Amino acid sequence: IQRTKAIAATQGILIKNHKALSSANHLTYVLMDKTGTLTTGQF
């Protein structure tokens, strides 16, 4: 976990709940918000 967090931090991701990491292998759906996530929020 510590090694993963260190690598992720250099990539620009902060891992706060490592328990969720194991889900990465079993995902089916990715739900995304629009404004600010897929779009810039600037008009």
All heavy atoms as atom14 arrays in JSON, in Angstrom:
{
  "sequence": "IQRTKAIAATQGILIKNHKALSSANHLTYVLMDKTGTLTTGQF",
  "atom14_mask": [
    [1, 1, 1, 1, 1, 1, 1, 1, 0, 0, 0, 0, 0, 0],
    [1, 1, 1, 1, 1, 1, 1, 1, 1, 0, 0, 0, 0, 0],
    [1, 1, 1, 1, 1, 1, 1, 1, 1, 1, 1, 0, 0, 0],
    [1, 1, 1, 1, 1, 1, 1, 0, 0, 0, 0, 0, 0, 0],
    [1, 1, 1, 1, 1, 1, 1, 1, 1, 0, 0, 0, 0, 0],
    [1, 1, 1, 1, 1, 0, 0, 0, 0, 0, 0, 0, 0, 0],
    [1, 1, 1, 1, 1, 1, 1, 1, 0, 0, 0, 0, 0, 0],
    [1, 1, 1, 1, 1, 0, 0, 0, 0, 0, 0, 0, 0, 0],
    [1, 1, 1, 1, 1, 0, 0, 0, 0, 0, 0, 0, 0, 0],
    [1, 1, 1, 1, 1, 1, 1, 0, 0, 0, 0, 0, 0, 0],
    [1, 1, 1, 1, 1, 1, 1, 1, 1, 0, 0, 0, 0, 0],
    [1, 1, 1, 1, 0, 0, 0, 0, 0, 0, 0, 0, 0, 0],
    [1, 1, 1, 1, 1, 1, 1, 1, 0, 0, 0, 0, 0, 0],
    [1, 1, 1, 1, 1, 1, 1, 1, 0, 0, 0, 0, 0, 0],
    [1, 1, 1, 1, 1, 1, 1, 1, 0, 0, 0, 0, 0, 0],
    [1, 1, 1, 1, 1, 1, 1, 1, 1, 0, 0, 0, 0, 0],
    [1, 1, 1, 1, 1, 1, 1, 1, 0, 0, 0, 0, 0, 0],
    [1, 1, 1, 1, 1, 1, 1, 1, 1, 1, 0, 0, 0, 0],
    [1, 1, 1, 1, 1, 1, 1, 1, 1, 0, 0, 0, 0, 0],
    [1, 1, 1, 1, 1, 0, 0, 0, 0, 0, 0, 0, 0, 0],
    [1, 1, 1, 1, 1, 1, 1, 1, 0, 0, 0, 0, 0, 0],
    [1, 1, 1, 1, 1, 1, 0, 0, 0, 0, 0, 0, 0, 0],
    [1, 1, 1, 1, 1, 1, 0, 0, 0, 0, 0, 0, 0, 0],
    [1, 1, 1, 1, 1, 0, 0, 0, 0, 0, 0, 0, 0, 0],
    [1, 1, 1, 1, 1, 1, 1, 1, 0, 0, 0, 0, 0, 0],
    [1, 1, 1, 1, 1, 1, 1, 1, 1, 1, 0, 0, 0, 0],
    [1, 1, 1, 1, 1, 1, 1, 1, 0, 0, 0, 0, 0, 0],
    [1, 1, 1, 1, 1, 1, 1, 0, 0, 0, 0, 0, 0, 0],
    [1, 1, 1, 1, 1, 1, 1, 1, 1, 1, 1, 1, 0, 0],
    [1, 1, 1, 1, 1, 1, 1, 0, 0, 0, 0, 0, 0, 0],
    [1, 1, 1, 1, 1, 1, 1, 1, 0, 0, 0, 0, 0, 0],
    [1, 1, 1, 1, 1, 1, 1, 1, 0, 0, 0, 0, 0, 0],
    [1, 1, 1, 1, 1, 1, 1, 1, 0, 0, 0, 0, 0, 0],
    [1, 1, 1, 1, 1, 1, 1, 1, 1, 0, 0, 0, 0, 0],
    [1, 1, 1, 1, 1, 1, 1, 0, 0, 0, 0, 0, 0, 0],
    [1, 1, 1, 1, 0, 0, 0, 0, 0, 0, 0, 0, 0, 0],
    [1, 1, 1, 1, 1, 1, 1, 0, 0, 0, 0, 0, 0, 0],
    [1, 1, 1, 1, 1, 1, 1, 1, 0, 0, 0, 0, 0, 0],
    [1, 1, 1, 1, 1, 1, 1, 0, 0, 0, 0, 0, 0, 0],
    [1, 1, 1, 1, 1, 1, 1, 0, 0, 0, 0, 0, 0, 0],
    [1, 1, 1, 1, 0, 0, 0, 0, 0, 0, 0, 0, 0, 0],
    [1, 1, 1, 1, 1, 1, 1, 1, 1, 0, 0, 0, 0, 0],
    [1, 1, 1, 1, 1, 1, 1, 1, 1, 1, 1, 0, 0, 0]
  ],
  "atom14_positions": [
    [[0.84, -1.21, 0.0], [0.0, 0.0, 0.0], [0.87, 1.25, 0.0], [0.66, 2.18, -0.77], [-0.92, 0.02, 1.24], [-2.0, -1.05, 1.11], [-1.57, 1.39, 1.42], [-2.71, -1.35, 2.39], [0.0, 0.0, 0.0], [0.0, 0.0, 0.0], [0.0, 0.0, 0.0], [0.0, 0.0, 0.0], [0.0, 0.0, 0.0], [0.0, 0.0, 0.0]],
    [[1.89, 1.23, 0.88], [2.72, 2.43, 0.98], [3.44, 2.7, -0.33], [3.53, 3.83, -0.8], [3.72, 2.3, 2.12], [4.27, 3.66, 2.49], [5.38, 3.58, 3.5], [6.15, 2.64, 3.5], [5.46, 4.57, 4.37], [0.0, 0.0, 0.0], [0.0, 0.0, 0.0], [0.0, 0.0, 0.0], [0.0, 0.0, 0.0], [0.0, 0.0, 0.0]],
    [[3.93, 1.62, -0.94], [4.64, 1.75, -2.22], [3.67, 2.29, -3.3], [4.01, 3.18, -4.07], [5.18, 0.37, -2.61], [5.95, 0.32, -3.88], [7.41, 0.66, -3.66], [8.1, 0.72, -4.93], [8.82, 1.76, -5.33], [8.95, 2.79, -4.55], [9.42, 1.75, -6.49], [0.0, 0.0, 0.0], [0.0, 0.0, 0.0], [0.0, 0.0, 0.0]],
    [[2.45, 1.75, -3.31], [1.45, 2.18, -4.29], [1.13, 3.66, -4.1], [1.04, 4.42, -5.07], [0.14, 1.38, -4.11], [0.47, 0.0, -4.07], [-0.84, 1.63, -5.24], [0.0, 0.0, 0.0], [0.0, 0.0, 0.0], [0.0, 0.0, 0.0], [0.0, 0.0, 0.0], [0.0, 0.0, 0.0], [0.0, 0.0, 0.0], [0.0, 0.0, 0.0]],
    [[0.96, 4.08, -2.84], [0.62, 5.48, -2.57], [1.74, 6.41, -3.01], [1.49, 7.48, -3.55], [0.36, 5.67, -1.08], [-0.84, 4.91, -0.62], [-1.28, 5.33, 0.72], [-2.01, 6.63, 0.64], [-3.12, 6.74, 1.55], [0.0, 0.0, 0.0], [0.0, 0.0, 0.0], [0.0, 0.0, 0.0], [0.0, 0.0, 0.0], [0.0, 0.0, 0.0]],
    [[2.98, 5.97, -2.78], [4.13, 6.81, -3.15], [4.17, 6.99, -4.67], [4.36, 8.09, -5.18], [5.42, 6.18, -2.65], [0.0, 0.0, 0.0], [0.0, 0.0, 0.0], [0.0, 0.0, 0.0], [0.0, 0.0, 0.0], [0.0, 0.0, 0.0], [0.0, 0.0, 0.0], [0.0, 0.0, 0.0], [0.0, 0.0, 0.0], [0.0, 0.0, 0.0]],
    [[3.95, 5.89, -5.4], [3.98, 5.96, -6.87], [2.81, 6.81, -7.37], [2.99, 7.69, -8.22], [3.92, 4.54, -7.49], [5.19, 3.75, -7.14], [3.78, 4.62, -9.01], [5.11, 2.27, -7.48], [0.0, 0.0, 0.0], [0.0, 0.0, 0.0], [0.0, 0.0, 0.0], [0.0, 0.0, 0.0], [0.0, 0.0, 0.0], [0.0, 0.0, 0.0]],
    [[1.62, 6.57, -6.8], [0.42, 7.31, -7.25], [0.61, 8.81, -7.02], [0.23, 9.62, -7.86], [-0.81, 6.81, -6.5], [0.0, 0.0, 0.0], [0.0, 0.0, 0.0], [0.0, 0.0, 0.0], [0.0, 0.0, 0.0], [0.0, 0.0, 0.0], [0.0, 0.0, 0.0], [0.0, 0.0, 0.0], [0.0, 0.0, 0.0], [0.0, 0.0, 0.0]],
    [[1.24, 9.18, -5.9], [1.43, 10.59, -5.59], [2.31, 11.26, -6.65], [2.04, 12.4, -7.06], [2.06, 10.75, -4.21], [0.0, 0.0, 0.0], [0.0, 0.0, 0.0], [0.0, 0.0, 0.0], [0.0, 0.0, 0.0], [0.0, 0.0, 0.0], [0.0, 0.0, 0.0], [0.0, 0.0, 0.0], [0.0, 0.0, 0.0], [0.0, 0.0, 0.0]],
    [[3.34, 10.53, -7.13], [4.19, 11.12, -8.17], [3.4, 11.27, -9.47], [3.7, 12.13, -10.29], [5.46, 10.28, -8.43], [5.04, 8.98, -8.88], [6.31, 10.13, -7.19], [0.0, 0.0, 0.0], [0.0, 0.0, 0.0], [0.0, 0.0, 0.0], [0.0, 0.0, 0.0], [0.0, 0.0, 0.0], [0.0, 0.0, 0.0], [0.0, 0.0, 0.0]],
    [[2.38, 10.44, -9.65], [1.56, 10.53, -10.88], [0.47, 11.6, -10.76], [-0.19, 11.94, -11.73], [0.88, 9.18, -11.16], [1.86, 8.09, -11.56], [1.15, 6.75, -11.75], [0.01, 6.56, -11.34], [1.83, 5.8, -12.37], [0.0, 0.0, 0.0], [0.0, 0.0, 0.0], [0.0, 0.0, 0.0], [0.0, 0.0, 0.0], [0.0, 0.0, 0.0]],
    [[0.27, 12.09, -9.54], [-0.75, 13.12, -9.36], [-2.06, 12.61, -8.79], [-3.11, 13.21, -8.99], [0.0, 0.0, 0.0], [0.0, 0.0, 0.0], [0.0, 0.0, 0.0], [0.0, 0.0, 0.0], [0.0, 0.0, 0.0], [0.0, 0.0, 0.0], [0.0, 0.0, 0.0], [0.0, 0.0, 0.0], [0.0, 0.0, 0.0], [0.0, 0.0, 0.0]],
    [[-2.0, 11.47, -8.08], [-3.23, 10.96, -7.44], [-2.96, 10.71, -5.96], [-1.94, 10.11, -5.6], [-3.68, 9.63, -8.1], [-4.35, 9.95, -9.44], [-4.62, 8.86, -7.22], [-5.6, 9.2, -9.74], [0.0, 0.0, 0.0], [0.0, 0.0, 0.0], [0.0, 0.0, 0.0], [0.0, 0.0, 0.0], [0.0, 0.0, 0.0], [0.0, 0.0, 0.0]],
    [[-3.85, 11.19, -5.12], [-3.74, 10.95, -3.68], [-4.67, 9.79, -3.34], [-5.88, 9.89, -3.58], [-4.26, 12.16, -2.92], [-3.28, 13.25, -2.54], [-4.01, 14.27, -1.68], [-2.12, 12.68, -1.75], [0.0, 0.0, 0.0], [0.0, 0.0, 0.0], [0.0, 0.0, 0.0], [0.0, 0.0, 0.0], [0.0, 0.0, 0.0], [0.0, 0.0, 0.0]],
    [[-4.13, 8.73, -2.78], [-4.98, 7.6, -2.38], [-5.32, 7.77, -0.91], [-4.43, 7.88, -0.07], [-4.25, 6.26, -2.61], [-3.93, 6.09, -4.09], [-5.09, 5.1, -2.08], [-3.08, 4.87, -4.4], [0.0, 0.0, 0.0], [0.0, 0.0, 0.0], [0.0, 0.0, 0.0], [0.0, 0.0, 0.0], [0.0, 0.0, 0.0], [0.0, 0.0, 0.0]],
    [[-6.62, 7.83, -0.6], [-7.01, 8.03, 0.78], [-7.6, 6.78, 1.41], [-7.44, 6.53, 2.58], [-8.03, 9.16, 0.87], [-7.4, 10.51, 0.55], [-8.46, 11.52, 0.25], [-9.58, 11.39, 1.24], [-10.78, 12.07, 0.8], [0.0, 0.0, 0.0], [0.0, 0.0, 0.0], [0.0, 0.0, 0.0], [0.0, 0.0, 0.0], [0.0, 0.0, 0.0]],
    [[-8.32, 6.01, 0.61], [-8.9, 4.78, 1.16], [-8.36, 3.61, 0.34], [-8.87, 3.3, -0.72], [-10.43, 4.85, 1.07], [-11.08, 3.56, 1.52], [-10.4, 2.66, 2.04], [-12.36, 3.43, 1.31], [0.0, 0.0, 0.0], [0.0, 0.0, 0.0], [0.0, 0.0, 0.0], [0.0, 0.0, 0.0], [0.0, 0.0, 0.0], [0.0, 0.0, 0.0]],
    [[-7.32, 2.96, 0.88], [-6.66, 1.9, 0.09], [-7.54, 0.68, -0.06], [-7.32, -0.15, -0.93], [-5.35, 1.5, 0.76], [-5.56, 0.98, 2.14], [-5.99, -0.3, 2.36], [-5.45, 1.55, 3.35], [-6.12, -0.48, 3.66], [-5.81, 0.64, 4.29], [0.0, 0.0, 0.0], [0.0, 0.0, 0.0], [0.0, 0.0, 0.0], [0.0, 0.0, 0.0]],
    [[-8.57, 0.56, 0.77], [-9.44, -0.61, 0.66], [-10.12, -0.64, -0.7], [-10.48, -1.68, -1.21], [-10.53, -0.57, 1.74], [-10.03, -0.98, 3.1], [-11.19, -1.16, 4.03], [-10.78, -2.01, 5.21], [-11.9, -2.39, 6.03], [0.0, 0.0, 0.0], [0.0, 0.0, 0.0], [0.0, 0.0, 0.0], [0.0, 0.0, 0.0], [0.0, 0.0, 0.0]],
    [[-10.33, 0.57, -1.26], [-11.04, 0.65, -2.53], [-10.17, 0.19, -3.7], [-10.66, -0.1, -4.77], [-11.51, 2.07, -2.77], [0.0, 0.0, 0.0], [0.0, 0.0, 0.0], [0.0, 0.0, 0.0], [0.0, 0.0, 0.0], [0.0, 0.0, 0.0], [0.0, 0.0, 0.0], [0.0, 0.0, 0.0], [0.0, 0.0, 0.0], [0.0, 0.0, 0.0]],
    [[-8.84, 0.12, -3.46], [-7.93, -0.22, -4.57], [-8.25, -1.56, -5.2], [-8.16, -1.72, -6.41], [-6.48, -0.24, -4.07], [-5.83, 1.12, -3.82], [-4.41, 0.94, -3.35], [-5.88, 1.98, -5.05], [0.0, 0.0, 0.0], [0.0, 0.0, 0.0], [0.0, 0.0, 0.0], [0.0, 0.0, 0.0], [0.0, 0.0, 0.0], [0.0, 0.0, 0.0]],
    [[-8.62, -2.52, -4.36], [-8.84, -3.86, -4.91], [-10.03, -3.89, -5.87], [-10.14, -4.78, -6.7], [-9.05, -4.87, -3.77], [-10.1, -4.41, -2.97], [0.0, 0.0, 0.0], [0.0, 0.0, 0.0], [0.0, 0.0, 0.0], [0.0, 0.0, 0.0], [0.0, 0.0, 0.0], [0.0, 0.0, 0.0], [0.0, 0.0, 0.0], [0.0, 0.0, 0.0]],
    [[-10.89, -2.86, -5.79], [-12.04, -2.8, -6.72], [-11.59, -2.54, -8.15], [-12.32, -2.82, -9.08], [-13.0, -1.69, -6.31], [-13.39, -1.86, -4.99], [0.0, 0.0, 0.0], [0.0, 0.0, 0.0], [0.0, 0.0, 0.0], [0.0, 0.0, 0.0], [0.0, 0.0, 0.0], [0.0, 0.0, 0.0], [0.0, 0.0, 0.0], [0.0, 0.0, 0.0]],
    [[-10.4, -1.94, -8.31], [-9.94, -1.55, -9.66], [-9.95, -2.74, -10.63], [-10.12, -2.57, -11.82], [-8.55, -0.95, -9.58], [0.0, 0.0, 0.0], [0.0, 0.0, 0.0], [0.0, 0.0, 0.0], [0.0, 0.0, 0.0], [0.0, 0.0, 0.0], [0.0, 0.0, 0.0], [0.0, 0.0, 0.0], [0.0, 0.0, 0.0], [0.0, 0.0, 0.0]],
    [[-9.78, -3.94, -10.09], [-9.73, -5.14, -10.94], [-11.1, -5.65, -11.36], [-11.2, -6.48, -12.24], [-9.03, -6.28, -10.19], [-7.54, -6.18, -10.38], [-7.07, -5.65, -11.38], [-6.8, -6.67, -9.41], [0.0, 0.0, 0.0], [0.0, 0.0, 0.0], [0.0, 0.0, 0.0], [0.0, 0.0, 0.0], [0.0, 0.0, 0.0], [0.0, 0.0, 0.0]],
    [[-12.14, -5.18, -10.67], [-13.44, -5.82, -10.9], [-14.51, -4.83, -11.34], [-15.69, -5.06, -11.13], [-13.89, -6.52, -9.61], [-12.81, -7.31, -8.96], [-12.33, -8.48, -9.49], [-12.06, -7.06, -7.85], [-11.35, -8.93, -8.72], [-11.16, -8.09, -7.73], [0.0, 0.0, 0.0], [0.0, 0.0, 0.0], [0.0, 0.0, 0.0], [0.0, 0.0, 0.0]],
    [[-14.1, -3.7, -11.9], [-15.08, -2.67, -12.26], [-15.88, -3.04, -13.51], [-15.37, -3.7, -14.41], [-14.38, -1.34, -12.52], [-13.67, -0.71, -11.31], [-12.84, 0.48, -11.76], [-14.67, -0.28, -10.25], [0.0, 0.0, 0.0], [0.0, 0.0, 0.0], [0.0, 0.0, 0.0], [0.0, 0.0, 0.0], [0.0, 0.0, 0.0], [0.0, 0.0, 0.0]],
    [[-17.13, -2.62, -13.54], [-17.96, -2.8, -14.74], [-18.38, -1.44, -15.28], [-18.37, -1.2, -16.47], [-19.24, -3.6, -14.39], [-18.86, -4.74, -13.63], [-19.97, -4.05, -15.64], [0.0, 0.0, 0.0], [0.0, 0.0, 0.0], [0.0, 0.0, 0.0], [0.0, 0.0, 0.0], [0.0, 0.0, 0.0], [0.0, 0.0, 0.0], [0.0, 0.0, 0.0]],
    [[-18.78, -0.53, -14.36], [-19.32, 0.76, -14.79], [-18.45, 1.91, -14.3], [-17.93, 1.86, -13.19], [-20.73, 0.95, -14.22], [-21.69, -0.12, -14.64], [-22.06, -1.15, -13.78], [-22.24, -0.11, -15.93], [-22.94, -2.15, -14.17], [-23.13, -1.11, -16.33], [-23.47, -2.12, -15.45], [-24.33, -3.11, -15.85], [0.0, 0.0, 0.0], [0.0, 0.0, 0.0]],
    [[-18.35, 2.95, -15.12], [-17.68, 4.18, -14.67], [-18.68, 5.33, -14.84], [-19.04, 5.7, -15.95], [-16.39, 4.46, -15.48], [-15.73, 5.73, -14.99], [-15.43, 3.28, -15.37], [0.0, 0.0, 0.0], [0.0, 0.0, 0.0], [0.0, 0.0, 0.0], [0.0, 0.0, 0.0], [0.0, 0.0, 0.0], [0.0, 0.0, 0.0], [0.0, 0.0, 0.0]],
    [[-19.17, 5.83, -13.69], [-20.13, 6.93, -13.72], [-19.37, 8.25, -13.63], [-18.49, 8.39, -12.79], [-21.1, 6.82, -12.52], [-22.36, 6.0, -12.76], [-22.02, 4.55, -13.08], [-23.29, 6.07, -11.57], [0.0, 0.0, 0.0], [0.0, 0.0, 0.0], [0.0, 0.0, 0.0], [0.0, 0.0, 0.0], [0.0, 0.0, 0.0], [0.0, 0.0, 0.0]],
    [[-19.71, 9.17, -14.53], [-19.0, 10.44, -14.54], [-19.93, 11.62, -14.51], [-20.94, 11.66, -15.2], [-18.16, 10.55, -15.82], [-16.89, 9.75, -15.74], [-16.24, 9.49, -17.38], [-17.41, 8.32, -18.02], [0.0, 0.0, 0.0], [0.0, 0.0, 0.0], [0.0, 0.0, 0.0], [0.0, 0.0, 0.0], [0.0, 0.0, 0.0], [0.0, 0.0, 0.0]],
    [[-19.53, 12.59, -13.7], [-20.19, 13.87, -13.65], [-19.78, 14.6, -14.94], [-18.76, 14.25, -15.51], [-19.57, 14.51, -12.41], [-20.03, 15.88, -12.18], [-21.22, 16.1, -12.35], [-19.21, 16.74, -11.85], [0.0, 0.0, 0.0], [0.0, 0.0, 0.0], [0.0, 0.0, 0.0], [0.0, 0.0, 0.0], [0.0, 0.0, 0.0], [0.0, 0.0, 0.0]],
    [[-20.57, 15.58, -15.39], [-20.18, 16.27, -16.64], [-19.31, 17.5, -16.39], [-18.13, 17.5, -16.69], [-21.43, 16.67, -17.44], [-21.09, 17.41, -18.73], [-22.33, 17.86, -19.47], [-23.09, 18.95, -18.76], [-22.42, 20.28, -18.77], [0.0, 0.0, 0.0], [0.0, 0.0, 0.0], [0.0, 0.0, 0.0], [0.0, 0.0, 0.0], [0.0, 0.0, 0.0]],
    [[-19.95, 18.53, -15.78], [-19.24, 19.79, -15.63], [-18.06, 19.66, -14.69], [-18.21, 19.2, -13.57], [-20.19, 20.88, -15.09], [-21.4, 20.78, -15.81], [-19.6, 22.24, -15.25], [0.0, 0.0, 0.0], [0.0, 0.0, 0.0], [0.0, 0.0, 0.0], [0.0, 0.0, 0.0], [0.0, 0.0, 0.0], [0.0, 0.0, 0.0], [0.0, 0.0, 0.0]],
    [[-16.9, 20.07, -15.14], [-15.71, 20.01, -14.28], [-15.01, 18.68, -14.35], [-13.86, 18.54, -13.94], [0.0, 0.0, 0.0], [0.0, 0.0, 0.0], [0.0, 0.0, 0.0], [0.0, 0.0, 0.0], [0.0, 0.0, 0.0], [0.0, 0.0, 0.0], [0.0, 0.0, 0.0], [0.0, 0.0, 0.0], [0.0, 0.0, 0.0], [0.0, 0.0, 0.0]],
    [[-15.7, 17.64, -14.86], [-15.06, 16.33, -14.97], [-14.71, 16.08, -16.44], [-13.55, 15.96, -16.81], [-15.99, 15.22, -14.43], [-16.29, 15.51, -13.07], [-15.3, 13.87, -14.49], [0.0, 0.0, 0.0], [0.0, 0.0, 0.0], [0.0, 0.0, 0.0], [0.0, 0.0, 0.0], [0.0, 0.0, 0.0], [0.0, 0.0, 0.0], [0.0, 0.0, 0.0]],
    [[-15.75, 16.02, -17.28], [-15.52, 15.82, -18.73], [-15.41, 17.15, -19.45], [-14.84, 17.24, -20.53], [-16.66, 15.0, -19.33], [-16.75, 13.55, -18.85], [-18.01, 12.9, -19.38], [-15.53, 12.75, -19.28], [0.0, 0.0, 0.0], [0.0, 0.0, 0.0], [0.0, 0.0, 0.0], [0.0, 0.0, 0.0], [0.0, 0.0, 0.0], [0.0, 0.0, 0.0]],
    [[-15.99, 18.2, -18.83], [-15.91, 19.52, -19.46], [-15.14, 20.46, -18.54], [-14.96, 20.16, -17.36], [-17.32, 20.1, -19.7], [-17.97, 20.23, -18.44], [-18.14, 19.2, -20.6], [0.0, 0.0, 0.0], [0.0, 0.0, 0.0], [0.0, 0.0, 0.0], [0.0, 0.0, 0.0], [0.0, 0.0, 0.0], [0.0, 0.0, 0.0], [0.0, 0.0, 0.0]],
    [[-14.72, 21.6, -19.06], [-13.86, 22.49, -18.27], [-14.64, 23.33, -17.28], [-14.08, 23.84, -16.32], [-13.11, 23.46, -19.2], [-14.08, 24.2, -19.94], [-12.2, 22.74, -20.15], [0.0, 0.0, 0.0], [0.0, 0.0, 0.0], [0.0, 0.0, 0.0], [0.0, 0.0, 0.0], [0.0, 0.0, 0.0], [0.0, 0.0, 0.0], [0.0, 0.0, 0.0]],
    [[-15.96, 23.5, -17.51], [-16.73, 24.38, -16.64], [-16.6, 25.84, -17.09], [-17.16, 26.75, -16.49], [0.0, 0.0, 0.0], [0.0, 0.0, 0.0], [0.0, 0.0, 0.0], [0.0, 0.0, 0.0], [0.0, 0.0, 0.0], [0.0, 0.0, 0.0], [0.0, 0.0, 0.0], [0.0, 0.0, 0.0], [0.0, 0.0, 0.0], [0.0, 0.0, 0.0]],
    [[-15.81, 26.07, -18.15], [-15.72, 27.43, -18.71], [-16.59, 27.48, -19.96], [-16.55, 26.56, -20.77], [-14.28, 27.76, -19.09], [-13.56, 28.46, -17.97], [-12.31, 27.68, -17.58], [-11.7, 27.06, -18.42], [-11.96, 27.73, -16.32], [0.0, 0.0, 0.0], [0.0, 0.0, 0.0], [0.0, 0.0, 0.0], [0.0, 0.0, 0.0], [0.0, 0.0, 0.0]],
    [[-17.34, 28.56, -20.1], [-18.29, 28.61, -21.22], [-17.68, 29.3, -22.44], [-17.34, 30.47, -22.4], [-19.58, 29.29, -20.76], [-20.37, 28.37, -19.91], [-20.04, 28.18, -18.57], [-21.39, 27.61, -20.44], [-20.73, 27.27, -17.79], [-22.09, 26.7, -19.67], [-21.76, 26.54, -18.35], [0.0, 0.0, 0.0], [0.0, 0.0, 0.0], [0.0, 0.0, 0.0]]
  ]
}
